[in-house]
Structure formats: structure tokens, C-alpha cells
């Protein structure tokens, strides 16, 4: 996650009962062994506590570059 996507790791989001519980979807992905990575720079710029990101792993540009170099493809959502 980067840019405003880092807000998915915020521990201070409360949703109405009729809204999609995206945190349950993220949890289902981690249960399947998918690592959810959070851009540390984007998170810090937006005031996200990078020591308390729940299921998200804090990572930097170097880690992203290493992983993308060995990947078949990566997908970006905006």
C-alpha cells in the first residue's frame, strides 16, 4: 500500500455497519499467506503509526525494488 492506500492500516477507522469490512478481506489474504506491505514513507507522511500496523508489514522502496525484480508481474491500483 502506498499513497492514501496506507490508511487501510490505520487502527483508528470505524465503519458503519452497512459498509464493506475491508479489514476482513485483508485478513483473508494474509490467512492465505499473502504479505500485505505498507510504504513506510507514505504512512509516516499521513500520520500512521508505523509501529502498530496490524497485519501490514512496513517496507521501504528498497524492499519493493528487490521483490519486483524477482516477480513475474505486479499490479498497481489507484
C-alpha atoms as a PDB file:
ATOM      1  CA  UNK A   1       0.000   0.000   0.000  1.00  0.00           C
ATOM      2  CA  UNK A   2       1.188   3.483  -0.763  1.00  0.00           C
ATOM      3  CA  UNK A   3      -0.183   6.991  -1.111  1.00  0.00           C
ATOM      4  CA  UNK A   4      -3.625   7.152   0.553  1.00  0.00           C
ATOM      5  CA  UNK A   5      -3.800   3.343   0.489  1.00  0.00           C
ATOM      6  CA  UNK A   6      -1.802   3.342   3.709  1.00  0.00           C
ATOM      7  CA  UNK A   7      -4.955   4.414   5.553  1.00  0.00           C
ATOM      8  CA  UNK A   8      -6.041   0.758   5.306  1.00  0.00           C
ATOM      9  CA  UNK A   9      -3.504   0.073   8.059  1.00  0.00           C
ATOM     10  CA  UNK A  10      -4.895   2.742  10.372  1.00  0.00           C
ATOM     11  CA  UNK A  11      -6.091   1.370  13.678  1.00  0.00           C
ATOM     12  CA  UNK A  12      -8.473   4.355  14.076  1.00  0.00           C
ATOM     13  CA  UNK A  13     -11.042   3.682  11.347  1.00  0.00           C
ATOM     14  CA  UNK A  14     -14.607   2.927  12.324  1.00  0.00           C
ATOM     15  CA  UNK A  15     -17.070   1.844   9.656  1.00  0.00           C
ATOM     16  CA  UNK A  16     -20.832   1.938   9.682  1.00  0.00           C
ATOM     17  CA  UNK A  17     -22.479  -1.479   9.865  1.00  0.00           C
ATOM     18  CA  UNK A  18     -23.641  -1.236   6.239  1.00  0.00           C
ATOM     19  CA  UNK A  19     -20.156  -0.555   4.822  1.00  0.00           C
ATOM     20  CA  UNK A  20     -17.807  -3.165   3.370  1.00  0.00           C
ATOM     21  CA  UNK A  21     -15.472  -4.531   6.046  1.00  0.00           C
ATOM     22  CA  UNK A  22     -12.278  -4.270   4.027  1.00  0.00           C
ATOM     23  CA  UNK A  23     -10.179  -5.280   7.028  1.00  0.00           C
ATOM     24  CA  UNK A  24     -11.786  -8.742   6.900  1.00  0.00           C
ATOM     25  CA  UNK A  25     -10.762  -9.012   3.255  1.00  0.00           C
ATOM     26  CA  UNK A  26      -7.165  -8.022   4.057  1.00  0.00           C
ATOM     27  CA  UNK A  27      -7.162 -10.590   6.862  1.00  0.00           C
ATOM     28  CA  UNK A  28      -8.392 -13.303   4.483  1.00  0.00           C
ATOM     29  CA  UNK A  29      -5.482 -12.532   2.162  1.00  0.00           C
ATOM     30  CA  UNK A  30      -2.940 -12.797   4.969  1.00  0.00           C
ATOM     31  CA  UNK A  31      -4.557 -16.065   6.063  1.00  0.00           C
ATOM     32  CA  UNK A  32      -3.732 -17.375   2.586  1.00  0.00           C
ATOM     33  CA  UNK A  33      -0.071 -16.433   3.026  1.00  0.00           C
ATOM     34  CA  UNK A  34      -0.120 -13.143   1.116  1.00  0.00           C
ATOM     35  CA  UNK A  35       2.072 -10.472   2.654  1.00  0.00           C
ATOM     36  CA  UNK A  36       0.481  -7.026   2.774  1.00  0.00           C
ATOM     37  CA  UNK A  37       3.156  -4.380   2.592  1.00  0.00           C
ATOM     38  CA  UNK A  38       2.845  -0.766   3.641  1.00  0.00           C
ATOM     39  CA  UNK A  39       5.083   2.039   2.365  1.00  0.00           C
ATOM     40  CA  UNK A  40       6.759   3.450   5.446  1.00  0.00           C
ATOM     41  CA  UNK A  41       7.299   6.890   3.908  1.00  0.00           C
ATOM     42  CA  UNK A  42       3.694   7.278   2.766  1.00  0.00           C
ATOM     43  CA  UNK A  43       2.443   6.068   6.144  1.00  0.00           C
ATOM     44  CA  UNK A  44       4.600   8.465   8.133  1.00  0.00           C
ATOM     45  CA  UNK A  45       3.583  11.396   5.903  1.00  0.00           C
ATOM     46  CA  UNK A  46      -0.072  10.626   6.683  1.00  0.00           C
ATOM     47  CA  UNK A  47       0.391  10.178  10.420  1.00  0.00           C
ATOM     48  CA  UNK A  48       0.004   6.396  10.511  1.00  0.00           C
ATOM     49  CA  UNK A  49       1.739   4.786  13.495  1.00  0.00           C
ATOM     50  CA  UNK A  50       4.256   2.520  11.746  1.00  0.00           C
ATOM     51  CA  UNK A  51       4.888   0.597  14.976  1.00  0.00           C
ATOM     52  CA  UNK A  52       1.234  -0.507  15.080  1.00  0.00           C
ATOM     53  CA  UNK A  53       0.146  -1.540  11.585  1.00  0.00           C
ATOM     54  CA  UNK A  54      -1.639  -4.765  12.454  1.00  0.00           C
ATOM     55  CA  UNK A  55      -1.431  -7.296   9.629  1.00  0.00           C
ATOM     56  CA  UNK A  56       0.528  -4.956   7.361  1.00  0.00           C
ATOM     57  CA  UNK A  57       4.293  -5.255   7.101  1.00  0.00           C
ATOM     58  CA  UNK A  58       6.136  -1.930   6.951  1.00  0.00           C
ATOM     59  CA  UNK A  59       8.516  -1.784   3.983  1.00  0.00           C
ATOM     60  CA  UNK A  60      10.541   0.714   2.038  1.00  0.00           C
ATOM     61  CA  UNK A  61      11.418   1.384  -1.566  1.00  0.00           C
ATOM     62  CA  UNK A  62      14.459  -0.915  -1.478  1.00  0.00           C
ATOM     63  CA  UNK A  63      12.346  -3.902  -0.437  1.00  0.00           C
ATOM     64  CA  UNK A  64       9.776  -3.116  -3.125  1.00  0.00           C
ATOM     65  CA  UNK A  65      12.537  -2.918  -5.755  1.00  0.00           C
ATOM     66  CA  UNK A  66      14.021  -6.264  -4.704  1.00  0.00           C
ATOM     67  CA  UNK A  67      10.633  -8.003  -4.747  1.00  0.00           C
ATOM     68  CA  UNK A  68       9.550  -6.514  -8.071  1.00  0.00           C
ATOM     69  CA  UNK A  69      12.853  -7.556  -9.665  1.00  0.00           C
ATOM     70  CA  UNK A  70      12.064 -11.193  -8.926  1.00  0.00           C
ATOM     71  CA  UNK A  71       8.321 -11.048  -9.689  1.00  0.00           C
ATOM     72  CA  UNK A  72       6.577 -12.103 -12.860  1.00  0.00           C
ATOM     73  CA  UNK A  73       4.277  -9.093 -12.553  1.00  0.00           C
ATOM     74  CA  UNK A  74       2.863  -6.616 -10.098  1.00  0.00           C
ATOM     75  CA  UNK A  75      -0.413  -4.751 -10.085  1.00  0.00           C
ATOM     76  CA  UNK A  76      -0.990  -1.144  -9.140  1.00  0.00           C
ATOM     77  CA  UNK A  77      -4.370   0.233  -8.083  1.00  0.00           C
ATOM     78  CA  UNK A  78      -5.144   3.940  -7.869  1.00  0.00           C
END
